[in-house]
PDB file of N, CA and C in Angstrom:
ATOM      1  N   UNK A   1      89.609 -66.175 -55.453  1.00  0.00           N
ATOM      2  CA  UNK A   1      89.674 -67.012 -56.825  1.00  0.00           C
ATOM      3  C   UNK A   1      91.182 -66.613 -57.571  1.00  0.00           C
ATOM      4  N   UNK A   2      91.743 -67.806 -58.096  1.00  0.00           N
ATOM      5  CA  UNK A   2      92.923 -67.681 -58.773  1.00  0.00           C
ATOM      6  C   UNK A   2      92.775 -67.107 -60.112  1.00  0.00           C
ATOM      7  N   UNK A   3      94.100 -66.245 -60.277  1.00  0.00           N
ATOM      8  CA  UNK A   3      94.058 -65.611 -61.750  1.00  0.00           C
ATOM      9  C   UNK A   3      93.805 -66.716 -62.828  1.00  0.00           C
ATOM     10  N   UNK A   4      94.296 -67.982 -62.357  1.00  0.00           N
ATOM     11  CA  UNK A   4      94.365 -68.735 -63.785  1.00  0.00           C
ATOM     12  C   UNK A   4      93.035 -69.234 -64.263  1.00  0.00           C
ATOM     13  N   UNK A   5      91.876 -68.992 -63.510  1.00  0.00           N
ATOM     14  CA  UNK A   5      90.724 -69.348 -63.959  1.00  0.00           C
ATOM     15  C   UNK A   5      89.832 -68.204 -64.451  1.00  0.00           C
ATOM     16  N   UNK A   6      90.331 -66.945 -64.275  1.00  0.00           N
ATOM     17  CA  UNK A   6      90.016 -65.537 -64.758  1.00  0.00           C
ATOM     18  C   UNK A   6      89.850 -65.626 -66.411  1.00  0.00           C
ATOM     19  N   UNK A   7      88.824 -65.291 -66.682  1.00  0.00           N
ATOM     20  CA  UNK A   7      88.438 -65.236 -68.200  1.00  0.00           C
ATOM     21  C   UNK A   7      89.001 -63.824 -68.708  1.00  0.00           C
ATOM     22  N   UNK A   8      89.642 -63.990 -69.932  1.00  0.00           N
ATOM     23  CA  UNK A   8      90.124 -62.950 -70.754  1.00  0.00           C
ATOM     24  C   UNK A   8      89.062 -62.167 -71.362  1.00  0.00           C
ATOM     25  N   UNK A   9      89.155 -60.842 -71.110  1.00  0.00           N
ATOM     26  CA  UNK A   9      87.897 -60.065 -72.149  1.00  0.00           C
ATOM     27  C   UNK A   9      88.505 -59.065 -72.978  1.00  0.00           C
ATOM     28  N   UNK A  10      89.934 -58.913 -72.798  1.00  0.00           N
ATOM     29  CA  UNK A  10      90.611 -58.024 -73.653  1.00  0.00           C
ATOM     30  C   UNK A  10      92.093 -58.190 -73.420  1.00  0.00           C
ATOM     31  N   UNK A  11      92.993 -57.584 -74.519  1.00  0.00           N
ATOM     32  CA  UNK A  11      94.348 -57.930 -74.427  1.00  0.00           C
ATOM     33  C   UNK A  11      94.924 -56.835 -75.298  1.00  0.00           C
ATOM     34  N   UNK A  12      96.319 -56.651 -74.974  1.00  0.00           N
ATOM     35  CA  UNK A  12      97.222 -55.914 -75.806  1.00  0.00           C
ATOM     36  C   UNK A  12      98.658 -56.307 -75.857  1.00  0.00           C
ATOM     37  N   UNK A  13      99.059 -56.276 -77.126  1.00  0.00           N
ATOM     38  CA  UNK A  13     100.474 -56.752 -77.336  1.00  0.00           C
ATOM     39  C   UNK A  13     101.386 -55.491 -76.790  1.00  0.00           C
ATOM     40  N   UNK A  14     102.287 -55.498 -75.902  1.00  0.00           N
ATOM     41  CA  UNK A  14     103.102 -54.469 -75.164  1.00  0.00           C
ATOM     42  C   UNK A  14     104.609 -54.591 -75.480  1.00  0.00           C
ATOM     43  N   UNK A  15     105.349 -53.553 -75.492  1.00  0.00           N
ATOM     44  CA  UNK A  15     106.883 -53.576 -75.687  1.00  0.00           C
ATOM     45  C   UNK A  15     107.393 -52.460 -74.759  1.00  0.00           C
ATOM     46  N   UNK A  16     108.530 -52.779 -74.549  1.00  0.00           N
ATOM     47  CA  UNK A  16     109.365 -51.632 -73.826  1.00  0.00           C
ATOM     48  C   UNK A  16     110.794 -51.668 -74.214  1.00  0.00           C
ATOM     49  N   UNK A  17     111.678 -50.721 -73.924  1.00  0.00           N
ATOM     50  CA  UNK A  17     113.087 -50.842 -74.016  1.00  0.00           C
ATOM     51  C   UNK A  17     113.759 -51.772 -73.244  1.00  0.00           C
ATOM     52  N   UNK A  18     114.559 -52.671 -73.618  1.00  0.00           N
ATOM     53  CA  UNK A  18     115.181 -53.478 -72.903  1.00  0.00           C
ATOM     54  C   UNK A  18     116.020 -52.868 -71.676  1.00  0.00           C
ATOM     55  N   UNK A  19     116.383 -53.344 -70.561  1.00  0.00           N
ATOM     56  CA  UNK A  19     117.270 -52.777 -69.630  1.00  0.00           C
ATOM     57  C   UNK A  19     118.563 -52.973 -70.034  1.00  0.00           C
ATOM     58  N   UNK A  20     119.479 -52.163 -69.478  1.00  0.00           N
ATOM     59  CA  UNK A  20     120.929 -52.346 -69.724  1.00  0.00           C
ATOM     60  C   UNK A  20     121.631 -51.460 -70.733  1.00  0.00           C
ATOM     61  N   UNK A  21     123.100 -51.599 -70.919  1.00  0.00           N
ATOM     62  CA  UNK A  21     123.348 -50.357 -71.696  1.00  0.00           C
ATOM     63  C   UNK A  21     123.347 -51.014 -73.439  1.00  0.00           C
ATOM     64  N   UNK A  22     123.231 -52.330 -73.554  1.00  0.00           N
ATOM     65  CA  UNK A  22     123.070 -52.849 -74.905  1.00  0.00           C
ATOM     66  C   UNK A  22     121.531 -52.848 -75.349  1.00  0.00           C
ATOM     67  N   UNK A  23     120.776 -51.943 -75.978  1.00  0.00           N
ATOM     68  CA  UNK A  23     119.440 -51.881 -76.179  1.00  0.00           C
ATOM     69  C   UNK A  23     119.546 -52.310 -77.534  1.00  0.00           C
ATOM     70  N   UNK A  24     119.360 -53.731 -78.036  1.00  0.00           N
ATOM     71  CA  UNK A  24     119.325 -54.159 -79.318  1.00  0.00           C
ATOM     72  C   UNK A  24     117.868 -54.367 -79.815  1.00  0.00           C
ATOM     73  N   UNK A  25     116.930 -54.789 -79.023  1.00  0.00           N
ATOM     74  CA  UNK A  25     115.645 -55.263 -79.444  1.00  0.00           C
ATOM     75  C   UNK A  25     114.743 -54.789 -78.140  1.00  0.00           C
ATOM     76  N   UNK A  26     113.613 -54.631 -78.290  1.00  0.00           N
ATOM     77  CA  UNK A  26     112.526 -54.159 -77.070  1.00  0.00           C
ATOM     78  C   UNK A  26     112.070 -55.642 -76.375  1.00  0.00           C
ATOM     79  N   UNK A  27     111.674 -55.501 -75.339  1.00  0.00           N
ATOM     80  CA  UNK A  27     111.227 -56.426 -74.350  1.00  0.00           C
ATOM     81  C   UNK A  27     109.668 -56.583 -74.724  1.00  0.00           C
ATOM     82  N   UNK A  28     109.137 -57.577 -75.031  1.00  0.00           N
ATOM     83  CA  UNK A  28     107.825 -57.982 -75.340  1.00  0.00           C
ATOM     84  C   UNK A  28     107.050 -58.862 -74.391  1.00  0.00           C
ATOM     85  N   UNK A  29     105.691 -58.426 -74.616  1.00  0.00           N
ATOM     86  CA  UNK A  29     104.628 -59.043 -73.575  1.00  0.00           C
ATOM     87  C   UNK A  29     103.451 -58.818 -73.913  1.00  0.00           C
ATOM     88  N   UNK A  30     102.339 -59.492 -73.389  1.00  0.00           N
ATOM     89  CA  UNK A  30     100.996 -59.420 -73.495  1.00  0.00           C
ATOM     90  C   UNK A  30     100.224 -58.808 -72.083  1.00  0.00           C
ATOM     91  N   UNK A  31      99.577 -57.938 -72.241  1.00  0.00           N
ATOM     92  CA  UNK A  31      98.580 -57.625 -70.906  1.00  0.00           C
ATOM     93  C   UNK A  31      97.361 -58.059 -71.197  1.00  0.00           C
ATOM     94  N   UNK A  32      96.647 -58.881 -70.302  1.00  0.00           N
ATOM     95  CA  UNK A  32      95.211 -59.168 -70.486  1.00  0.00           C
ATOM     96  C   UNK A  32      94.430 -58.717 -69.250  1.00  0.00           C
ATOM     97  N   UNK A  33      93.084 -58.288 -69.807  1.00  0.00           N
ATOM     98  CA  UNK A  33      92.195 -57.871 -68.730  1.00  0.00           C
ATOM     99  C   UNK A  33      91.313 -58.807 -68.517  1.00  0.00           C
ATOM    100  N   UNK A  34      90.869 -59.272 -67.463  1.00  0.00           N
ATOM    101  CA  UNK A  34      89.949 -60.304 -67.064  1.00  0.00           C
ATOM    102  C   UNK A  34      88.438 -59.824 -66.584  1.00  0.00           C
ATOM    103  N   UNK A  35      87.612 -60.859 -66.702  1.00  0.00           N
ATOM    104  CA  UNK A  35      86.487 -60.562 -66.352  1.00  0.00           C
ATOM    105  C   UNK A  35      86.255 -60.190 -64.744  1.00  0.00           C
ATOM    106  N   UNK A  36      87.308 -60.334 -64.081  1.00  0.00           N
ATOM    107  CA  UNK A  36      87.263 -59.926 -62.630  1.00  0.00           C
ATOM    108  C   UNK A  36      87.814 -58.646 -62.415  1.00  0.00           C
ATOM    109  N   UNK A  37      88.245 -57.879 -63.677  1.00  0.00           N
ATOM    110  CA  UNK A  37      88.715 -56.526 -63.546  1.00  0.00           C
ATOM    111  C   UNK A  37      90.268 -56.362 -63.174  1.00  0.00           C
ATOM    112  N   UNK A  38      90.841 -57.374 -63.381  1.00  0.00           N
ATOM    113  CA  UNK A  38      92.251 -57.505 -63.193  1.00  0.00           C
ATOM    114  C   UNK A  38      93.127 -57.536 -64.452  1.00  0.00           C
ATOM    115  N   UNK A  39      94.332 -56.944 -64.209  1.00  0.00           N
ATOM    116  CA  UNK A  39      95.165 -56.745 -65.516  1.00  0.00           C
ATOM    117  C   UNK A  39      96.476 -57.631 -65.134  1.00  0.00           C
ATOM    118  N   UNK A  40      96.916 -58.552 -65.877  1.00  0.00           N
ATOM    119  CA  UNK A  40      97.982 -59.276 -66.068  1.00  0.00           C
ATOM    120  C   UNK A  40      99.095 -58.980 -66.999  1.00  0.00           C
ATOM    121  N   UNK A  41     100.419 -59.019 -66.827  1.00  0.00           N
ATOM    122  CA  UNK A  41     101.258 -59.009 -67.767  1.00  0.00           C
ATOM    123  C   UNK A  41     102.001 -60.372 -67.848  1.00  0.00           C
ATOM    124  N   UNK A  42     101.869 -61.085 -69.240  1.00  0.00           N
ATOM    125  CA  UNK A  42     102.465 -62.132 -69.413  1.00  0.00           C
ATOM    126  C   UNK A  42     103.861 -61.863 -70.188  1.00  0.00           C
ATOM    127  N   UNK A  43     104.824 -62.308 -69.817  1.00  0.00           N
ATOM    128  CA  UNK A  43     106.095 -62.235 -70.643  1.00  0.00           C
ATOM    129  C   UNK A  43     107.410 -62.998 -70.149  1.00  0.00           C
ATOM    130  N   UNK A  44     108.373 -63.295 -70.703  1.00  0.00           N
ATOM    131  CA  UNK A  44     109.310 -63.966 -70.591  1.00  0.00           C
ATOM    132  C   UNK A  44     110.767 -63.483 -70.201  1.00  0.00           C
ATOM    133  N   UNK A  45     111.048 -63.768 -69.118  1.00  0.00           N
ATOM    134  CA  UNK A  45     112.610 -63.518 -68.635  1.00  0.00           C
ATOM    135  C   UNK A  45     113.580 -64.611 -68.494  1.00  0.00           C
ATOM    136  N   UNK A  46     114.847 -64.344 -68.607  1.00  0.00           N
ATOM    137  CA  UNK A  46     115.843 -65.381 -68.534  1.00  0.00           C
ATOM    138  C   UNK A  46     115.895 -65.979 -67.177  1.00  0.00           C
ATOM    139  N   UNK A  47     115.795 -65.238 -66.261  1.00  0.00           N
ATOM    140  CA  UNK A  47     115.845 -65.649 -64.695  1.00  0.00           C
ATOM    141  C   UNK A  47     114.620 -66.406 -64.452  1.00  0.00           C
ATOM    142  N   UNK A  48     113.609 -66.369 -64.889  1.00  0.00           N
ATOM    143  CA  UNK A  48     112.229 -67.045 -64.634  1.00  0.00           C
ATOM    144  C   UNK A  48     111.626 -67.788 -65.514  1.00  0.00           C
ATOM    145  N   UNK A  49     111.825 -67.552 -66.839  1.00  0.00           N
ATOM    146  CA  UNK A  49     111.085 -68.044 -67.988  1.00  0.00           C
ATOM    147  C   UNK A  49     109.784 -67.310 -68.033  1.00  0.00           C
ATOM    148  N   UNK A  50     108.788 -67.896 -68.505  1.00  0.00           N
ATOM    149  CA  UNK A  50     107.473 -67.116 -68.676  1.00  0.00           C
ATOM    150  C   UNK A  50     106.616 -67.009 -67.391  1.00  0.00           C
ATOM    151  N   UNK A  51     106.229 -65.633 -67.203  1.00  0.00           N
ATOM    152  CA  UNK A  51     105.682 -65.474 -66.008  1.00  0.00           C
ATOM    153  C   UNK A  51     104.214 -64.569 -66.210  1.00  0.00           C
ATOM    154  N   UNK A  52     103.486 -64.835 -65.159  1.00  0.00           N
ATOM    155  CA  UNK A  52     102.434 -63.783 -65.022  1.00  0.00           C
ATOM    156  C   UNK A  52     102.532 -62.805 -63.889  1.00  0.00           C
ATOM    157  N   UNK A  53     102.389 -61.619 -64.243  1.00  0.00           N
ATOM    158  CA  UNK A  53     102.432 -60.684 -63.018  1.00  0.00           C
ATOM    159  C   UNK A  53     101.367 -59.720 -63.014  1.00  0.00           C
ATOM    160  N   UNK A  54     101.327 -59.141 -61.922  1.00  0.00           N
ATOM    161  CA  UNK A  54     100.256 -58.115 -61.920  1.00  0.00           C
ATOM    162  C   UNK A  54     100.689 -56.810 -62.740  1.00  0.00           C
ATOM    163  N   UNK A  55      99.685 -56.565 -63.502  1.00  0.00           N
ATOM    164  CA  UNK A  55     100.262 -55.374 -64.378  1.00  0.00           C
ATOM    165  C   UNK A  55     100.432 -53.946 -63.714  1.00  0.00           C
ATOM    166  N   UNK A  56      99.960 -53.974 -62.517  1.00  0.00           N
ATOM    167  CA  UNK A  56     100.224 -52.732 -61.782  1.00  0.00           C
ATOM    168  C   UNK A  56     101.713 -52.519 -61.348  1.00  0.00           C
ATOM    169  N   UNK A  57     102.430 -53.682 -61.630  1.00  0.00           N
ATOM    170  CA  UNK A  57     103.926 -53.493 -61.366  1.00  0.00           C
ATOM    171  C   UNK A  57     104.564 -53.230 -62.341  1.00  0.00           C
ATOM    172  N   UNK A  58     103.926 -52.902 -63.478  1.00  0.00           N
ATOM    173  CA  UNK A  58     104.684 -52.556 -64.862  1.00  0.00           C
ATOM    174  C   UNK A  58     105.209 -51.186 -64.661  1.00  0.00           C
ATOM    175  N   UNK A  59     106.513 -50.802 -65.172  1.00  0.00           N
ATOM    176  CA  UNK A  59     106.926 -49.500 -65.334  1.00  0.00           C
ATOM    177  C   UNK A  59     106.243 -48.790 -66.429  1.00  0.00           C
ATOM    178  N   UNK A  60     106.577 -47.439 -66.373  1.00  0.00           N
ATOM    179  CA  UNK A  60     106.198 -46.664 -67.340  1.00  0.00           C
ATOM    180  C   UNK A  60     106.594 -46.711 -68.498  1.00  0.00           C
ATOM    181  N   UNK A  61     107.645 -47.367 -68.982  1.00  0.00           N
ATOM    182  CA  UNK A  61     108.125 -47.601 -70.162  1.00  0.00           C
ATOM    183  C   UNK A  61     107.459 -48.488 -71.167  1.00  0.00           C
ATOM    184  N   UNK A  62     106.555 -49.189 -70.638  1.00  0.00           N
ATOM    185  CA  UNK A  62     105.889 -50.185 -71.431  1.00  0.00           C
ATOM    186  C   UNK A  62     104.669 -49.437 -72.368  1.00  0.00           C
ATOM    187  N   UNK A  63     104.676 -49.827 -73.656  1.00  0.00           N
ATOM    188  CA  UNK A  63     103.726 -49.097 -74.593  1.00  0.00           C
ATOM    189  C   UNK A  63     102.813 -50.268 -75.488  1.00  0.00           C
ATOM    190  N   UNK A  64     101.633 -49.847 -75.741  1.00  0.00           N
ATOM    191  CA  UNK A  64     100.773 -50.737 -76.160  1.00  0.00           C
ATOM    192  C   UNK A  64     101.302 -50.687 -77.698  1.00  0.00           C
ATOM    193  N   UNK A  65     101.632 -51.979 -78.274  1.00  0.00           N
ATOM    194  CA  UNK A  65     101.910 -51.881 -79.580  1.00  0.00           C
ATOM    195  C   UNK A  65     100.668 -52.186 -80.633  1.00  0.00           C
ATOM    196  N   UNK A  66      99.792 -52.894 -80.189  1.00  0.00           N
ATOM    197  CA  UNK A  66      98.589 -53.411 -80.820  1.00  0.00           C
ATOM    198  C   UNK A  66      97.534 -54.019 -79.937  1.00  0.00           C
ATOM    199  N   UNK A  67      96.221 -53.808 -80.341  1.00  0.00           N
ATOM    200  CA  UNK A  67      95.236 -54.369 -79.444  1.00  0.00           C
ATOM    201  C   UNK A  67      95.285 -55.967 -79.938  1.00  0.00           C
ATOM    202  N   UNK A  68      94.912 -56.742 -79.160  1.00  0.00           N
ATOM    203  CA  UNK A  68      94.487 -58.336 -79.594  1.00  0.00           C
ATOM    204  C   UNK A  68      93.187 -58.679 -79.400  1.00  0.00           C
ATOM    205  N   UNK A  69      92.650 -59.065 -80.616  1.00  0.00           N
ATOM    206  CA  UNK A  69      90.982 -59.308 -80.789  1.00  0.00           C
ATOM    207  C   UNK A  69      90.953 -60.749 -80.151  1.00  0.00           C
ATOM    208  N   UNK A  70      90.417 -60.826 -78.680  1.00  0.00           N
ATOM    209  CA  UNK A  70      90.558 -61.931 -78.087  1.00  0.00           C
ATOM    210  C   UNK A  70      89.248 -62.991 -78.716  1.00  0.00           C
ATOM    211  N   UNK A  71      89.383 -64.134 -79.059  1.00  0.00           N
ATOM    212  CA  UNK A  71      88.391 -64.877 -79.680  1.00  0.00           C
ATOM    213  C   UNK A  71      87.827 -65.844 -78.726  1.00  0.00           C
ATOM    214  N   UNK A  72      86.805 -66.199 -78.278  1.00  0.00           N
ATOM    215  CA  UNK A  72      86.194 -67.261 -77.649  1.00  0.00           C
ATOM    216  C   UNK A  72      86.440 -66.940 -76.229  1.00  0.00           C
ATOM    217  N   UNK A  73      86.204 -68.054 -75.390  1.00  0.00           N
ATOM    218  CA  UNK A  73      86.453 -67.966 -73.833  1.00  0.00           C
ATOM    219  C   UNK A  73      87.830 -68.587 -73.684  1.00  0.00           C
ATOM    220  N   UNK A  74      88.762 -67.553 -73.257  1.00  0.00           N
ATOM    221  CA  UNK A  74      89.879 -67.890 -73.143  1.00  0.00           C
ATOM    222  C   UNK A  74      90.372 -67.458 -71.812  1.00  0.00           C
ATOM    223  N   UNK A  75      91.121 -68.126 -70.874  1.00  0.00           N
ATOM    224  CA  UNK A  75      91.738 -67.858 -69.445  1.00  0.00           C
ATOM    225  C   UNK A  75      93.388 -67.376 -69.476  1.00  0.00           C
ATOM    226  N   UNK A  76      93.523 -66.699 -68.397  1.00  0.00           N
ATOM    227  CA  UNK A  76      94.865 -66.602 -68.141  1.00  0.00           C
ATOM    228  C   UNK A  76      95.464 -67.719 -68.106  1.00  0.00           C
ATOM    229  N   UNK A  77      95.252 -68.717 -67.411  1.00  0.00           N
ATOM    230  CA  UNK A  77      95.726 -70.151 -67.357  1.00  0.00           C
ATOM    231  C   UNK A  77      96.007 -70.783 -68.916  1.00  0.00           C
ATOM    232  N   UNK A  78      95.083 -70.485 -69.910  1.00  0.00           N
ATOM    233  CA  UNK A  78      95.442 -71.020 -71.110  1.00  0.00           C
ATOM    234  C   UNK A  78      96.457 -70.170 -71.927  1.00  0.00           C
ATOM    235  N   UNK A  79      96.661 -68.836 -71.738  1.00  0.00           N
ATOM    236  CA  UNK A  79      97.540 -67.984 -72.462  1.00  0.00           C
ATOM    237  C   UNK A  79      99.186 -68.312 -71.569  1.00  0.00           C
ATOM    238  N   UNK A  80      99.020 -68.359 -70.361  1.00  0.00           N
ATOM    239  CA  UNK A  80     100.433 -68.672 -69.916  1.00  0.00           C
ATOM    240  C   UNK A  80     101.163 -69.832 -70.334  1.00  0.00           C
ATOM    241  N   UNK A  81     100.663 -71.096 -70.334  1.00  0.00           N
ATOM    242  CA  UNK A  81     101.477 -72.108 -71.170  1.00  0.00           C
ATOM    243  C   UNK A  81     101.514 -72.243 -72.392  1.00  0.00           C
ATOM    244  N   UNK A  82     100.838 -71.199 -73.101  1.00  0.00           N
ATOM    245  CA  UNK A  82     100.984 -71.229 -74.571  1.00  0.00           C
ATOM    246  C   UNK A  82     102.214 -70.479 -74.822  1.00  0.00           C
ATOM    247  N   UNK A  83     102.721 -69.742 -73.982  1.00  0.00           N
ATOM    248  CA  UNK A  83     103.727 -68.648 -74.136  1.00  0.00           C
ATOM    249  C   UNK A  83     104.969 -69.231 -73.411  1.00  0.00           C
ATOM    250  N   UNK A  84     104.941 -70.715 -73.161  1.00  0.00           N
ATOM    251  CA  UNK A  84     106.083 -71.076 -72.390  1.00  0.00           C
ATOM    252  C   UNK A  84     106.917 -71.899 -73.139  1.00  0.00           C
ATOM    253  N   UNK A  85     107.970 -72.114 -72.725  1.00  0.00           N
ATOM    254  CA  UNK A  85     108.938 -73.026 -73.433  1.00  0.00           C
ATOM    255  C   UNK A  85     108.818 -74.566 -72.848  1.00  0.00           C
ATOM    256  N   UNK A  86     109.778 -75.236 -73.134  1.00  0.00           N
ATOM    257  CA  UNK A  86     109.555 -76.813 -73.145  1.00  0.00           C
ATOM    258  C   UNK A  86     110.280 -77.266 -71.679  1.00  0.00           C
ATOM    259  N   UNK A  87     110.572 -76.517 -70.778  1.00  0.00           N
ATOM    260  CA  UNK A  87     111.203 -77.166 -69.563  1.00  0.00           C
ATOM    261  C   UNK A  87     110.802 -76.254 -68.346  1.00  0.00           C
ATOM    262  N   UNK A  88     110.917 -76.556 -67.083  1.00  0.00           N
ATOM    263  CA  UNK A  88     110.699 -76.072 -65.971  1.00  0.00           C
ATOM    264  C   UNK A  88     111.953 -75.347 -65.570  1.00  0.00           C
ATOM    265  N   UNK A  89     113.150 -75.523 -66.228  1.00  0.00           N
ATOM    266  CA  UNK A  89     114.405 -74.894 -66.020  1.00  0.00           C
ATOM    267  C   UNK A  89     114.046 -73.524 -66.455  1.00  0.00           C
ATOM    268  N   UNK A  90     114.195 -72.200 -65.811  1.00  0.00           N
ATOM    269  CA  UNK A  90     113.855 -71.125 -66.363  1.00  0.00           C
ATOM    270  C   UNK A  90     114.619 -70.482 -67.529  1.00  0.00           C
ATOM    271  N   UNK A  91     116.128 -70.892 -67.535  1.00  0.00           N
ATOM    272  CA  UNK A  91     117.000 -70.604 -68.670  1.00  0.00           C
ATOM    273  C   UNK A  91     116.554 -71.397 -69.908  1.00  0.00           C
ATOM    274  N   UNK A  92     116.356 -72.672 -69.900  1.00  0.00           N
ATOM    275  CA  UNK A  92     115.979 -73.543 -70.926  1.00  0.00           C
ATOM    276  C   UNK A  92     114.421 -72.995 -71.290  1.00  0.00           C
ATOM    277  N   UNK A  93     113.613 -72.639 -70.513  1.00  0.00           N
ATOM    278  CA  UNK A  93     112.260 -72.346 -70.843  1.00  0.00           C
ATOM    279  C   UNK A  93     112.365 -71.116 -71.516  1.00  0.00           C
ATOM    280  N   UNK A  94     113.348 -70.125 -71.303  1.00  0.00           N
ATOM    281  CA  UNK A  94     113.647 -68.826 -72.034  1.00  0.00           C
ATOM    282  C   UNK A  94     114.035 -69.179 -73.467  1.00  0.00           C
ATOM    283  N   UNK A  95     114.990 -69.923 -73.548  1.00  0.00           N
ATOM    284  CA  UNK A  95     115.492 -70.214 -74.764  1.00  0.00           C
ATOM    285  C   UNK A  95     114.530 -70.951 -75.677  1.00  0.00           C
ATOM    286  N   UNK A  96     113.889 -72.036 -75.147  1.00  0.00           N
ATOM    287  CA  UNK A  96     113.015 -72.868 -76.003  1.00  0.00           C
ATOM    288  C   UNK A  96     111.579 -72.313 -76.315  1.00  0.00           C
ATOM    289  N   UNK A  97     111.303 -71.052 -75.511  1.00  0.00           N
ATOM    290  CA  UNK A  97     110.235 -70.424 -75.895  1.00  0.00           C
ATOM    291  C   UNK A  97     110.314 -69.397 -76.838  1.00  0.00           C
ATOM    292  N   UNK A  98     111.698 -69.288 -77.318  1.00  0.00           N
ATOM    293  CA  UNK A  98     111.871 -68.098 -78.509  1.00  0.00           C
ATOM    294  C   UNK A  98     112.267 -66.938 -77.788  1.00  0.00           C
ATOM    295  N   UNK A  99     112.452 -66.563 -76.370  1.00  0.00           N
ATOM    296  CA  UNK A  99     112.842 -65.548 -75.839  1.00  0.00           C
ATOM    297  C   UNK A  99     111.359 -64.843 -75.728  1.00  0.00           C
ATOM    298  N   UNK A 100     111.539 -63.725 -75.181  1.00  0.00           N
ATOM    299  CA  UNK A 100     110.179 -62.705 -74.865  1.00  0.00           C
ATOM    300  C   UNK A 100     109.363 -62.572 -76.200  1.00  0.00           C
ATOM    301  N   UNK A 101     110.187 -62.303 -77.399  1.00  0.00           N
ATOM    302  CA  UNK A 101     109.276 -62.061 -78.543  1.00  0.00           C
ATOM    303  C   UNK A 101     108.444 -63.256 -78.982  1.00  0.00           C
ATOM    304  N   UNK A 102     109.049 -64.388 -78.991  1.00  0.00           N
ATOM    305  CA  UNK A 102     108.116 -65.430 -79.288  1.00  0.00           C
ATOM    306  C   UNK A 102     107.108 -65.894 -78.392  1.00  0.00           C
ATOM    307  N   UNK A 103     107.483 -65.627 -77.189  1.00  0.00           N
ATOM    308  CA  UNK A 103     106.431 -66.013 -75.904  1.00  0.00           C
ATOM    309  C   UNK A 103     105.385 -64.981 -76.192  1.00  0.00           C
ATOM    310  N   UNK A 104     105.428 -63.850 -76.489  1.00  0.00           N
ATOM    311  CA  UNK A 104     104.446 -62.863 -76.667  1.00  0.00           C
ATOM    312  C   UNK A 104     103.706 -63.162 -77.822  1.00  0.00           C
ATOM    313  N   UNK A 105     104.200 -63.471 -78.903  1.00  0.00           N
ATOM    314  CA  UNK A 105     103.613 -63.981 -80.087  1.00  0.00           C
ATOM    315  C   UNK A 105     102.880 -65.243 -79.884  1.00  0.00           C
ATOM    316  N   UNK A 106     103.293 -66.269 -79.220  1.00  0.00           N
ATOM    317  CA  UNK A 106     102.785 -67.483 -78.704  1.00  0.00           C
ATOM    318  C   UNK A 106     101.293 -67.164 -77.892  1.00  0.00           C
ATOM    319  N   UNK A 107     101.624 -66.199 -76.923  1.00  0.00           N
ATOM    320  CA  UNK A 107     100.296 -65.868 -75.953  1.00  0.00           C
ATOM    321  C   UNK A 107      99.190 -65.260 -77.046  1.00  0.00           C
ATOM    322  N   UNK A 108      99.768 -64.270 -77.892  1.00  0.00           N
ATOM    323  CA  UNK A 108      98.758 -63.562 -78.650  1.00  0.00           C
ATOM    324  C   UNK A 108      98.115 -64.547 -79.532  1.00  0.00           C
ATOM    325  N   UNK A 109      98.679 -65.624 -80.264  1.00  0.00           N
ATOM    326  CA  UNK A 109      98.234 -66.388 -81.010  1.00  0.00           C
ATOM    327  C   UNK A 109      96.985 -67.297 -80.251  1.00  0.00           C
ATOM    328  N   UNK A 110      97.402 -67.922 -79.239  1.00  0.00           N
ATOM    329  CA  UNK A 110      96.387 -68.503 -78.287  1.00  0.00           C
ATOM    330  C   UNK A 110      95.190 -67.598 -78.140  1.00  0.00           C
ATOM    331  N   UNK A 111      95.183 -66.275 -77.918  1.00  0.00           N
ATOM    332  CA  UNK A 111      93.989 -65.378 -77.690  1.00  0.00           C
ATOM    333  C   UNK A 111      93.340 -65.103 -78.874  1.00  0.00           C
ATOM    334  N   UNK A 112      93.851 -65.225 -80.225  1.00  0.00           N
ATOM    335  CA  UNK A 112      93.313 -64.981 -81.460  1.00  0.00           C
ATOM    336  C   UNK A 112      92.630 -66.088 -82.017  1.00  0.00           C
ATOM    337  N   UNK A 113      92.952 -67.273 -81.674  1.00  0.00           N
ATOM    338  CA  UNK A 113      92.534 -68.512 -82.260  1.00  0.00           C
ATOM    339  C   UNK A 113      91.396 -69.191 -81.354  1.00  0.00           C
TER     340      UNK A 113
END
């Protein structure tokens, strides 16, 4: 079964320090747990735009900022495009989605409503 059809049963807003020498703001994302027992990180990066990755690949630097009260029947597939920008070009997608911060907030809003 594809992760896209898995139902989200819980979620958390997460942050970690950005990589590199100029740490101005944290990197933001949303971790969702599904009815299949899987965990996925939804986040935006300049090189790829908004992506869904298996949470087992997250570094130990990520911290839960706050839980998200998932309302209704939500899927990973629904959260992913809600966080995305307006283009298939990764850099344009990253910019039009409002960077990682707005992408995470948009995914959170989808899960809350």
